[in-house]
Amino acid sequence: MQSIITMSPDYAQNCPLSVELNKMTIMEIKECIRQMCLESPERFKDITKPFNVSDLGCSSGHNSIMVYKTIIE
């Protein structure tokens, strides 16, 4: 018998530290993306080339949405 282990459904609501840490890193992420665009502008002009982002976390990803939103914008 195979079983799947998942995080509790209320994980995202009970992890305010993760949210606060994400908020603290937003400016750093923006600066990294800005630097990438300055160093390789041609890479980001062609919208047909994918830009991959991964969340290697252990839950539903709720706390990562703010980070993804920043990267996409």
C-alpha atoms as a PDB file:
ATOM      1  CA  MET A   1       0.000   0.000   0.000  1.00  0.00           C
ATOM      2  CA  GLN A   2       1.318   3.432  -0.971  1.00  0.00           C
ATOM      3  CA  SER A   3       0.741   6.464   1.209  1.00  0.00           C
ATOM      4  CA  ILE A   4       1.256  10.144   0.545  1.00  0.00           C
ATOM      5  CA  ILE A   5       2.478  12.400   3.311  1.00  0.00           C
ATOM      6  CA  THR A   6       1.306  16.005   3.117  1.00  0.00           C
ATOM      7  CA  MET A   7       1.518  19.089   5.287  1.00  0.00           C
ATOM      8  CA  SER A   8      -1.413  20.044   7.455  1.00  0.00           C
ATOM      9  CA  PRO A   9      -3.986  22.197   5.578  1.00  0.00           C
ATOM     10  CA  ASP A  10      -3.514  24.988   8.122  1.00  0.00           C
ATOM     11  CA  TYR A  11       0.287  25.102   7.617  1.00  0.00           C
ATOM     12  CA  ALA A  12       0.194  28.364   5.657  1.00  0.00           C
ATOM     13  CA  GLN A  13      -1.903  30.079   8.303  1.00  0.00           C
ATOM     14  CA  ASN A  14       0.406  28.949  11.099  1.00  0.00           C
ATOM     15  CA  CYS A  15       3.722  30.016   9.575  1.00  0.00           C
ATOM     16  CA  PRO A  16       3.930  33.790   9.953  1.00  0.00           C
ATOM     17  CA  LEU A  17       7.722  33.535  10.196  1.00  0.00           C
ATOM     18  CA  SER A  18       7.902  32.202   6.625  1.00  0.00           C
ATOM     19  CA  VAL A  19       5.793  35.112   5.395  1.00  0.00           C
ATOM     20  CA  GLU A  20       7.962  37.643   7.205  1.00  0.00           C
ATOM     21  CA  LEU A  21      11.176  36.115   5.874  1.00  0.00           C
ATOM     22  CA  ASN A  22       9.755  36.213   2.348  1.00  0.00           C
ATOM     23  CA  LYS A  23       8.928  39.906   2.791  1.00  0.00           C
ATOM     24  CA  MET A  24      12.496  40.572   3.886  1.00  0.00           C
ATOM     25  CA  THR A  25      13.926  38.920   0.781  1.00  0.00           C
ATOM     26  CA  ILE A  26      11.709  40.691  -1.775  1.00  0.00           C
ATOM     27  CA  MET A  27      14.104  43.637  -2.206  1.00  0.00           C
ATOM     28  CA  GLU A  28      17.028  41.246  -2.647  1.00  0.00           C
ATOM     29  CA  ILE A  29      15.098  39.277  -5.270  1.00  0.00           C
ATOM     30  CA  LYS A  30      14.223  42.465  -7.144  1.00  0.00           C
ATOM     31  CA  GLU A  31      17.870  43.513  -7.145  1.00  0.00           C
ATOM     32  CA  CYS A  32      18.994  40.102  -8.439  1.00  0.00           C
ATOM     33  CA  ILE A  33      16.462  40.227 -11.266  1.00  0.00           C
ATOM     34  CA  ARG A  34      17.453  43.795 -12.131  1.00  0.00           C
ATOM     35  CA  GLN A  35      21.105  42.722 -12.272  1.00  0.00           C
ATOM     36  CA  MET A  36      20.260  39.745 -14.475  1.00  0.00           C
ATOM     37  CA  CYS A  37      18.415  42.022 -16.882  1.00  0.00           C
ATOM     38  CA  LEU A  38      21.344  44.447 -17.013  1.00  0.00           C
ATOM     39  CA  GLU A  39      23.877  41.684 -17.638  1.00  0.00           C
ATOM     40  CA  SER A  40      21.835  39.832 -20.279  1.00  0.00           C
ATOM     41  CA  PRO A  41      19.177  42.156 -21.692  1.00  0.00           C
ATOM     42  CA  GLU A  42      18.812  40.079 -24.874  1.00  0.00           C
ATOM     43  CA  ARG A  43      17.904  37.063 -22.740  1.00  0.00           C
ATOM     44  CA  PHE A  44      14.828  38.796 -21.354  1.00  0.00           C
ATOM     45  CA  LYS A  45      13.659  40.556 -24.526  1.00  0.00           C
ATOM     46  CA  ASP A  46      12.669  37.296 -26.194  1.00  0.00           C
ATOM     47  CA  ILE A  47       9.497  36.235 -24.394  1.00  0.00           C
ATOM     48  CA  THR A  48       9.530  32.879 -26.160  1.00  0.00           C
ATOM     49  CA  LYS A  49      12.489  31.776 -24.023  1.00  0.00           C
ATOM     50  CA  PRO A  50      11.306  30.330 -20.721  1.00  0.00           C
ATOM     51  CA  PHE A  51      12.487  31.686 -17.405  1.00  0.00           C
ATOM     52  CA  ASN A  52      12.219  28.859 -14.884  1.00  0.00           C
ATOM     53  CA  VAL A  53      11.538  29.325 -11.192  1.00  0.00           C
ATOM     54  CA  SER A  54      11.216  26.510  -8.672  1.00  0.00           C
ATOM     55  CA  ASP A  55       9.805  26.245  -5.191  1.00  0.00           C
ATOM     56  CA  LEU A  56      11.537  23.423  -3.380  1.00  0.00           C
ATOM     57  CA  GLY A  57       9.483  23.876  -0.244  1.00  0.00           C
ATOM     58  CA  CYS A  58       7.565  21.212   1.568  1.00  0.00           C
ATOM     59  CA  SER A  59       3.995  22.461   1.497  1.00  0.00           C
ATOM     60  CA  SER A  60       1.285  23.806  -0.782  1.00  0.00           C
ATOM     61  CA  GLY A  61       3.321  26.833  -1.848  1.00  0.00           C
ATOM     62  CA  HIS A  62       0.993  29.362  -0.248  1.00  0.00           C
ATOM     63  CA  ASN A  63       3.899  31.245   1.330  1.00  0.00           C
ATOM     64  CA  SER A  64       5.746  31.351  -2.003  1.00  0.00           C
ATOM     65  CA  ILE A  65       3.037  33.223  -3.893  1.00  0.00           C
ATOM     66  CA  MET A  66       4.378  36.633  -2.823  1.00  0.00           C
ATOM     67  CA  VAL A  67       7.859  35.707  -4.077  1.00  0.00           C
ATOM     68  CA  TYR A  68       6.537  34.375  -7.400  1.00  0.00           C
ATOM     69  CA  LYS A  69       4.431  37.487  -7.888  1.00  0.00           C
ATOM     70  CA  THR A  70       7.529  39.651  -7.447  1.00  0.00           C
ATOM     71  CA  ILE A  71       9.521  37.584  -9.949  1.00  0.00           C
ATOM     72  CA  ILE A  72       6.727  37.621 -12.549  1.00  0.00           C
ATOM     73  CA  GLU A  73       6.165  41.367 -12.291  1.00  0.00           C
END
